[in-house]
Protein backbone atom coordinates (compact mmCIF):
# COMPACT_ATOMS: atom_id res chain seq x y z
CA UNK A 1 -15.60 2.69 -5.24
CA UNK A 2 -15.29 3.36 -1.49
CA UNK A 3 -11.84 2.86 0.04
CA UNK A 4 -11.21 1.31 3.45
CA UNK A 5 -8.23 0.93 5.74
CA UNK A 6 -8.34 -2.47 7.42
CA UNK A 7 -6.18 -2.74 10.55
CA UNK A 8 -5.62 -6.27 11.77
CA UNK A 9 -4.02 -7.70 14.86
CA UNK A 10 -3.12 -11.35 14.50
CA UNK A 11 -4.24 -13.88 17.08
CA UNK A 12 -1.76 -16.58 18.06
CA UNK A 13 -3.17 -19.03 15.47
CA UNK A 14 -3.08 -16.26 12.86
CA UNK A 15 0.55 -15.49 13.65
CA UNK A 16 1.42 -19.17 13.21
CA UNK A 17 -0.20 -19.21 9.79
CA UNK A 18 1.59 -15.99 8.80
CA UNK A 19 4.94 -17.43 9.87
CA UNK A 20 4.28 -20.68 8.01
CA UNK A 21 2.95 -19.14 4.79
CA UNK A 22 4.62 -15.72 4.66
CA UNK A 23 3.25 -12.38 3.56
CA UNK A 24 2.87 -13.11 -0.16
CA UNK A 25 0.60 -16.09 0.46
CA UNK A 26 -1.53 -14.13 2.92
CA UNK A 27 -1.80 -11.24 0.46
CA UNK A 28 -2.98 -13.68 -2.22
CA UNK A 29 -5.60 -15.10 0.16
CA UNK A 30 -6.85 -11.62 1.06
CA UNK A 31 -6.86 -10.61 -2.59
CA UNK A 32 -8.96 -13.65 -3.53
CA UNK A 33 -11.48 -12.92 -0.76
CA UNK A 34 -11.73 -9.22 -1.65
CA UNK A 35 -12.05 -9.87 -5.39
CA UNK A 36 -14.69 -12.48 -4.59
CA UNK A 37 -16.95 -9.75 -3.19
CA UNK A 38 -16.29 -7.33 -6.05
CA UNK A 39 -13.43 -5.34 -4.52
CA UNK A 40 -9.72 -4.82 -5.06
CA UNK A 41 -6.66 -4.68 -2.84
CA UNK A 42 -4.52 -1.56 -3.30
CA UNK A 43 -1.82 -2.58 -0.84
CA UNK A 44 -1.07 -4.58 2.27
CA UNK A 45 1.63 -3.64 4.78
CA UNK A 46 2.89 -5.37 7.91
CA UNK A 47 4.39 -3.35 10.75
CA UNK A 48 6.84 -3.90 13.56
CA UNK A 49 5.32 -4.72 16.92
CA UNK A 50 1.85 -5.77 17.79
CA UNK A 51 1.55 -8.24 14.90
CA UNK A 52 -0.32 -5.59 12.94
CA UNK A 53 -1.30 -5.70 9.30
CA UNK A 54 -2.68 -2.74 7.35
CA UNK A 55 -4.60 -3.17 4.10
CA UNK A 56 -5.98 -0.50 1.81
CA UNK A 57 -8.94 -2.05 0.05
CA UNK A 58 -11.65 -0.83 -2.31
CA UNK A 59 -15.06 -2.40 -1.78
CA UNK A 60 -18.47 -1.76 -3.32
CA UNK A 61 -20.10 -0.48 -0.12
CA UNK A 62 -20.22 -0.57 3.70
CA UNK A 63 -22.36 -3.72 3.74
CA UNK A 64 -19.73 -5.57 1.72
CA UNK A 65 -16.99 -4.24 4.02
CA UNK A 66 -18.95 -5.50 7.02
CA UNK A 67 -19.47 -8.93 5.43
CA UNK A 68 -15.73 -9.19 4.79
CA UNK A 69 -14.99 -8.17 8.40
CA UNK A 70 -17.42 -10.74 9.76
CA UNK A 71 -15.82 -13.49 7.68
CA UNK A 72 -12.32 -12.51 8.81
CA UNK A 73 -13.34 -12.20 12.47
CA UNK A 74 -15.20 -15.52 12.34
CA UNK A 75 -12.09 -17.28 10.99
CA UNK A 76 -10.31 -16.36 14.22
CA UNK A 77 -6.91 -15.52 12.73
CA UNK A 78 -7.05 -11.80 13.44
CA UNK A 79 -9.03 -9.05 15.06
CA UNK A 80 -10.01 -6.51 12.43
CA UNK A 81 -10.85 -2.81 12.60
CA UNK A 82 -12.05 -0.96 9.50
CA UNK A 83 -11.87 2.75 8.74
CA UNK A 84 -13.71 4.31 5.80
CA UNK A 85 -11.36 6.64 3.89
CA UNK A 86 -12.27 9.69 1.81
CA UNK A 87 -10.29 11.05 -1.12
CA UNK A 88 -9.51 14.77 -1.42
CA UNK A 89 -12.31 15.11 -3.97
CA UNK A 90 -14.81 13.38 -1.67
CA UNK A 91 -13.75 15.70 1.15
CA UNK A 92 -14.33 18.68 -1.19
CA UNK A 93 -17.91 17.50 -1.75
CA UNK A 94 -18.44 16.97 1.99
CA UNK A 95 -17.04 20.40 2.81
CA UNK A 96 -19.50 22.05 0.39
CA UNK A 97 -22.51 20.07 1.63
CA UNK A 98 -24.65 21.83 4.23
CA UNK A 99 -25.42 19.68 7.25
CA UNK A 100 -27.50 22.27 9.13
CA UNK A 101 -25.75 21.63 12.44
CA UNK A 102 -25.31 24.24 15.17
CA UNK A 103 -23.10 23.43 18.16
CA UNK A 104 -24.75 23.59 21.59
CA UNK A 105 -24.63 26.97 23.28
CA UNK A 106 -24.32 28.99 20.10
CA UNK A 107 -27.34 31.12 19.22
CA UNK A 108 -27.92 32.18 15.70
């Protein structure tokens, strides 16, 4: 299943909810949403500064990841950025796959 890094920055209302509920409650809410679309949460971390939250999540596909992002963004509690992650084995496959690309200015 594809793995994604979700990077969130809390809005002021989102920060208020986080302070009121704490990290465990927010993790449970995220876990319920992710499991509801057929995914799983590997881990969630909060960082110092910038009210940032980082979640490593497995989801069925990019469309599902986008749907989850739209729901989170629409709720207004955080601004979310998502990065698709590749395992070492997936990178091995990509490295062996020919893309037929030649950089500009290089004649073959």
